[in-house]
Amino acid sequence: MRRAILQFSCLCSLALSAGCATGTGGQLPEAPRARRDTDFISTEELKANGAENAYEAIQSMRTLWLTRKRGEQGFYPSDIVVYYNNARMGGTESLRQISMGPVTWIRYFDARRAQYRFGSGHPQGAILVSTEAQQSSTQPRTDQQP
């Protein structure tokens, strides 16, 4: 009996050490990649994009911001609300009126965060477009939630 237990424990140890040896094949793991904030478009991204207006910039970099969310339709049809320097402009079509020249960053707020930031009436969320004039006082840090 003692011999069977000893053989079993040796067999388990051998299987365990064989499993550990096959891990990474001697290669070092990759360094973690910087996570892109999917709710924020930075100045660098906007400059590299070269879009003429805010709608084109968002459409090419964060297409999902412009799509209607399923299950959040309510009784009356609604659109994402656009804010320009914290002033309400209208729906997503108003983004076409915003020239990219002075824009420094753009942020998307889901329905919950939009309600917290701007008040009720944002069942599809909100997009905030900010210019250099507003940057110093309202630009969110990218390592924090708004």
C-alpha atoms as a PDB file:
ATOM      1  CA  MET A   1       0.000   0.000   0.000  1.00  0.00           C
ATOM      2  CA  ARG A   2       2.784   2.363   0.932  1.00  0.00           C
ATOM      3  CA  ARG A   3       4.528   1.631  -2.355  1.00  0.00           C
ATOM      4  CA  ALA A   4       1.363   2.440  -4.358  1.00  0.00           C
ATOM      5  CA  ILE A   5       0.997   5.804  -2.599  1.00  0.00           C
ATOM      6  CA  LEU A   6       4.674   6.591  -3.268  1.00  0.00           C
ATOM      7  CA  GLN A   7       4.335   5.673  -6.952  1.00  0.00           C
ATOM      8  CA  PHE A   8       1.156   7.756  -7.258  1.00  0.00           C
ATOM      9  CA  SER A   9       2.754  10.839  -5.686  1.00  0.00           C
ATOM     10  CA  CYS A  10       5.837  10.473  -7.936  1.00  0.00           C
ATOM     11  CA  LEU A  11       3.573  10.204 -10.974  1.00  0.00           C
ATOM     12  CA  CYS A  12       1.641  13.337  -9.924  1.00  0.00           C
ATOM     13  CA  SER A  13       4.864  15.262  -9.348  1.00  0.00           C
ATOM     14  CA  LEU A  14       6.169  14.235 -12.756  1.00  0.00           C
ATOM     15  CA  ALA A  15       2.933  15.287 -14.472  1.00  0.00           C
ATOM     16  CA  LEU A  16       2.901  18.598 -12.635  1.00  0.00           C
ATOM     17  CA  SER A  17       6.504  19.420 -13.520  1.00  0.00           C
ATOM     18  CA  ALA A  18       5.906  18.470 -17.168  1.00  0.00           C
ATOM     19  CA  GLY A  19       2.904  20.784 -17.295  1.00  0.00           C
ATOM     20  CA  CYS A  20       4.906  23.681 -15.840  1.00  0.00           C
ATOM     21  CA  ALA A  21       7.750  23.166 -18.304  1.00  0.00           C
ATOM     22  CA  THR A  22       5.495  23.715 -21.322  1.00  0.00           C
ATOM     23  CA  GLY A  23       4.421  27.242 -20.203  1.00  0.00           C
ATOM     24  CA  THR A  24       6.029  29.941 -22.387  1.00  0.00           C
ATOM     25  CA  GLY A  25       8.642  27.874 -24.190  1.00  0.00           C
ATOM     26  CA  GLY A  26      11.446  29.953 -22.691  1.00  0.00           C
ATOM     27  CA  GLN A  27      10.133  33.243 -24.085  1.00  0.00           C
ATOM     28  CA  LEU A  28       9.481  36.256 -21.929  1.00  0.00           C
ATOM     29  CA  PRO A  29       5.882  37.445 -21.829  1.00  0.00           C
ATOM     30  CA  GLU A  30       5.049  40.532 -23.885  1.00  0.00           C
ATOM     31  CA  ALA A  31       4.978  43.891 -22.168  1.00  0.00           C
ATOM     32  CA  PRO A  32       1.415  45.031 -21.535  1.00  0.00           C
ATOM     33  CA  ARG A  33       0.089  47.305 -24.236  1.00  0.00           C
ATOM     34  CA  ALA A  34      -1.326  50.703 -23.422  1.00  0.00           C
ATOM     35  CA  ARG A  35      -5.092  50.430 -23.357  1.00  0.00           C
ATOM     36  CA  ARG A  36      -6.850  52.846 -25.672  1.00  0.00           C
ATOM     37  CA  ASP A  37      -9.724  54.713 -24.075  1.00  0.00           C
ATOM     38  CA  THR A  38     -12.664  53.851 -26.317  1.00  0.00           C
ATOM     39  CA  ASP A  39     -14.705  56.773 -24.952  1.00  0.00           C
ATOM     40  CA  PHE A  40     -12.085  59.456 -25.652  1.00  0.00           C
ATOM     41  CA  ILE A  41     -10.370  60.837 -28.769  1.00  0.00           C
ATOM     42  CA  SER A  42      -7.186  62.711 -27.946  1.00  0.00           C
ATOM     43  CA  THR A  43      -5.577  65.692 -29.665  1.00  0.00           C
ATOM     44  CA  GLU A  44      -2.911  63.412 -31.159  1.00  0.00           C
ATOM     45  CA  GLU A  45      -5.506  61.090 -32.674  1.00  0.00           C
ATOM     46  CA  LEU A  46      -7.453  64.014 -34.126  1.00  0.00           C
ATOM     47  CA  LYS A  47      -4.342  65.525 -35.716  1.00  0.00           C
ATOM     48  CA  ALA A  48      -3.312  62.187 -37.220  1.00  0.00           C
ATOM     49  CA  ASN A  49      -6.801  61.585 -38.619  1.00  0.00           C
ATOM     50  CA  GLY A  50      -7.078  64.700 -40.772  1.00  0.00           C
ATOM     51  CA  ALA A  51     -10.896  64.787 -40.859  1.00  0.00           C
ATOM     52  CA  GLU A  52     -12.605  68.031 -41.856  1.00  0.00           C
ATOM     53  CA  ASN A  53     -15.412  67.938 -39.294  1.00  0.00           C
ATOM     54  CA  ALA A  54     -16.206  66.194 -36.017  1.00  0.00           C
ATOM     55  CA  TYR A  55     -18.678  63.778 -37.628  1.00  0.00           C
ATOM     56  CA  GLU A  56     -16.029  62.489 -40.059  1.00  0.00           C
ATOM     57  CA  ALA A  57     -13.472  62.167 -37.259  1.00  0.00           C
ATOM     58  CA  ILE A  58     -15.816  60.132 -35.065  1.00  0.00           C
ATOM     59  CA  GLN A  59     -17.068  58.065 -37.993  1.00  0.00           C
ATOM     60  CA  SER A  60     -13.523  57.033 -38.936  1.00  0.00           C
ATOM     61  CA  MET A  61     -12.143  56.505 -35.394  1.00  0.00           C
ATOM     62  CA  ARG A  62     -15.069  55.504 -33.137  1.00  0.00           C
ATOM     63  CA  THR A  63     -17.922  54.420 -35.402  1.00  0.00           C
ATOM     64  CA  LEU A  64     -19.853  52.807 -32.549  1.00  0.00           C
ATOM     65  CA  TRP A  65     -20.458  56.210 -30.951  1.00  0.00           C
ATOM     66  CA  LEU A  66     -22.807  57.095 -33.808  1.00  0.00           C
ATOM     67  CA  THR A  67     -24.922  53.934 -33.730  1.00  0.00           C
ATOM     68  CA  ARG A  68     -28.214  53.656 -31.911  1.00  0.00           C
ATOM     69  CA  LYS A  69     -28.031  51.310 -28.946  1.00  0.00           C
ATOM     70  CA  ARG A  70     -30.495  48.421 -28.972  1.00  0.00           C
ATOM     71  CA  GLY A  71     -32.942  48.178 -26.114  1.00  0.00           C
ATOM     72  CA  GLU A  72     -32.750  51.888 -25.288  1.00  0.00           C
ATOM     73  CA  GLN A  73     -35.432  53.147 -27.631  1.00  0.00           C
ATOM     74  CA  GLY A  74     -38.142  54.334 -25.267  1.00  0.00           C
ATOM     75  CA  PHE A  75     -41.478  55.718 -26.421  1.00  0.00           C
ATOM     76  CA  TYR A  76     -40.102  58.546 -28.568  1.00  0.00           C
ATOM     77  CA  PRO A  77     -37.169  58.076 -30.935  1.00  0.00           C
ATOM     78  CA  SER A  78     -34.051  59.809 -29.669  1.00  0.00           C
ATOM     79  CA  ASP A  79     -30.541  60.546 -30.831  1.00  0.00           C
ATOM     80  CA  ILE A  80     -27.190  60.990 -29.173  1.00  0.00           C
ATOM     81  CA  VAL A  81     -26.998  64.555 -27.843  1.00  0.00           C
ATOM     82  CA  VAL A  82     -23.996  66.626 -28.949  1.00  0.00           C
ATOM     83  CA  TYR A  83     -22.380  69.270 -26.748  1.00  0.00           C
ATOM     84  CA  TYR A  84     -19.815  71.772 -27.987  1.00  0.00           C
ATOM     85  CA  ASN A  85     -17.837  73.281 -25.097  1.00  0.00           C
ATOM     86  CA  ASN A  86     -20.643  72.192 -22.746  1.00  0.00           C
ATOM     87  CA  ALA A  87     -23.340  73.949 -24.818  1.00  0.00           C
ATOM     88  CA  ARG A  88     -26.047  71.670 -26.215  1.00  0.00           C
ATOM     89  CA  MET A  89     -26.053  71.657 -30.051  1.00  0.00           C
ATOM     90  CA  GLY A  90     -28.450  68.896 -31.059  1.00  0.00           C
ATOM     91  CA  GLY A  91     -28.153  65.395 -32.526  1.00  0.00           C
ATOM     92  CA  THR A  92     -25.308  63.675 -34.325  1.00  0.00           C
ATOM     93  CA  GLU A  93     -25.908  65.620 -37.546  1.00  0.00           C
ATOM     94  CA  SER A  94     -24.771  68.774 -35.724  1.00  0.00           C
ATOM     95  CA  LEU A  95     -21.286  67.221 -35.591  1.00  0.00           C
ATOM     96  CA  ARG A  96     -20.970  68.021 -39.307  1.00  0.00           C
ATOM     97  CA  GLN A  97     -21.052  71.742 -38.430  1.00  0.00           C
ATOM     98  CA  ILE A  98     -18.002  71.504 -36.146  1.00  0.00           C
ATOM     99  CA  SER A  99     -14.763  72.231 -37.986  1.00  0.00           C
ATOM    100  CA  MET A 100     -11.778  70.298 -36.650  1.00  0.00           C
ATOM    101  CA  GLY A 101      -9.477  73.353 -36.507  1.00  0.00           C
ATOM    102  CA  PRO A 102     -10.025  74.376 -32.874  1.00  0.00           C
ATOM    103  CA  VAL A 103     -11.105  70.947 -31.532  1.00  0.00           C
ATOM    104  CA  THR A 104      -8.703  69.510 -28.955  1.00  0.00           C
ATOM    105  CA  TRP A 105     -10.568  66.401 -27.756  1.00  0.00           C
ATOM    106  CA  ILE A 106     -13.873  64.547 -28.017  1.00  0.00           C
ATOM    107  CA  ARG A 107     -15.495  62.322 -25.385  1.00  0.00           C
ATOM    108  CA  TYR A 108     -18.455  59.951 -25.534  1.00  0.00           C
ATOM    109  CA  PHE A 109     -20.724  59.464 -22.505  1.00  0.00           C
ATOM    110  CA  ASP A 110     -23.035  56.472 -22.290  1.00  0.00           C
ATOM    111  CA  ALA A 111     -26.621  57.120 -21.135  1.00  0.00           C
ATOM    112  CA  ARG A 112     -25.823  56.763 -17.437  1.00  0.00           C
ATOM    113  CA  ARG A 113     -22.781  59.044 -17.487  1.00  0.00           C
ATOM    114  CA  ALA A 114     -24.527  61.562 -19.748  1.00  0.00           C
ATOM    115  CA  GLN A 115     -27.398  61.814 -17.289  1.00  0.00           C
ATOM    116  CA  TYR A 116     -24.934  62.316 -14.431  1.00  0.00           C
ATOM    117  CA  ARG A 117     -23.004  65.025 -16.311  1.00  0.00           C
ATOM    118  CA  PHE A 118     -25.730  66.831 -18.266  1.00  0.00           C
ATOM    119  CA  GLY A 119     -29.031  65.821 -16.641  1.00  0.00           C
ATOM    120  CA  SER A 120     -31.932  63.724 -17.912  1.00  0.00           C
ATOM    121  CA  GLY A 121     -32.888  63.304 -21.565  1.00  0.00           C
ATOM    122  CA  HIS A 122     -29.883  61.321 -22.852  1.00  0.00           C
ATOM    123  CA  PRO A 123     -31.191  57.764 -23.412  1.00  0.00           C
ATOM    124  CA  GLN A 124     -28.661  57.228 -26.224  1.00  0.00           C
ATOM    125  CA  GLY A 125     -25.774  59.037 -24.505  1.00  0.00           C
ATOM    126  CA  ALA A 126     -23.893  62.229 -25.369  1.00  0.00           C
ATOM    127  CA  ILE A 127     -20.800  63.418 -27.209  1.00  0.00           C
ATOM    128  CA  LEU A 128     -18.805  66.342 -25.848  1.00  0.00           C
ATOM    129  CA  VAL A 129     -16.547  68.216 -28.287  1.00  0.00           C
ATOM    130  CA  SER A 130     -14.041  70.554 -26.662  1.00  0.00           C
ATOM    131  CA  THR A 131     -11.819  73.293 -28.090  1.00  0.00           C
ATOM    132  CA  GLU A 132      -8.607  74.898 -26.901  1.00  0.00           C
ATOM    133  CA  ALA A 133     -10.590  77.634 -25.175  1.00  0.00           C
ATOM    134  CA  GLN A 134     -12.206  75.055 -22.877  1.00  0.00           C
ATOM    135  CA  GLN A 135      -9.246  72.700 -22.548  1.00  0.00           C
ATOM    136  CA  SER A 136      -7.615  74.156 -19.443  1.00  0.00           C
ATOM    137  CA  SER A 137     -10.720  74.024 -17.289  1.00  0.00           C
ATOM    138  CA  THR A 138     -12.630  70.972 -18.493  1.00  0.00           C
ATOM    139  CA  GLN A 139     -10.279  68.487 -20.132  1.00  0.00           C
ATOM    140  CA  PRO A 140     -10.642  65.201 -18.295  1.00  0.00           C
ATOM    141  CA  ARG A 141      -7.586  63.264 -17.280  1.00  0.00           C
ATOM    142  CA  THR A 142      -7.383  60.108 -19.362  1.00  0.00           C
ATOM    143  CA  ASP A 143      -6.567  57.975 -16.318  1.00  0.00           C
ATOM    144  CA  GLN A 144      -9.830  58.876 -14.546  1.00  0.00           C
ATOM    145  CA  GLN A 145     -13.474  58.398 -15.258  1.00  0.00           C
ATOM    146  CA  PRO A 146     -15.413  61.644 -15.842  1.00  0.00           C
END
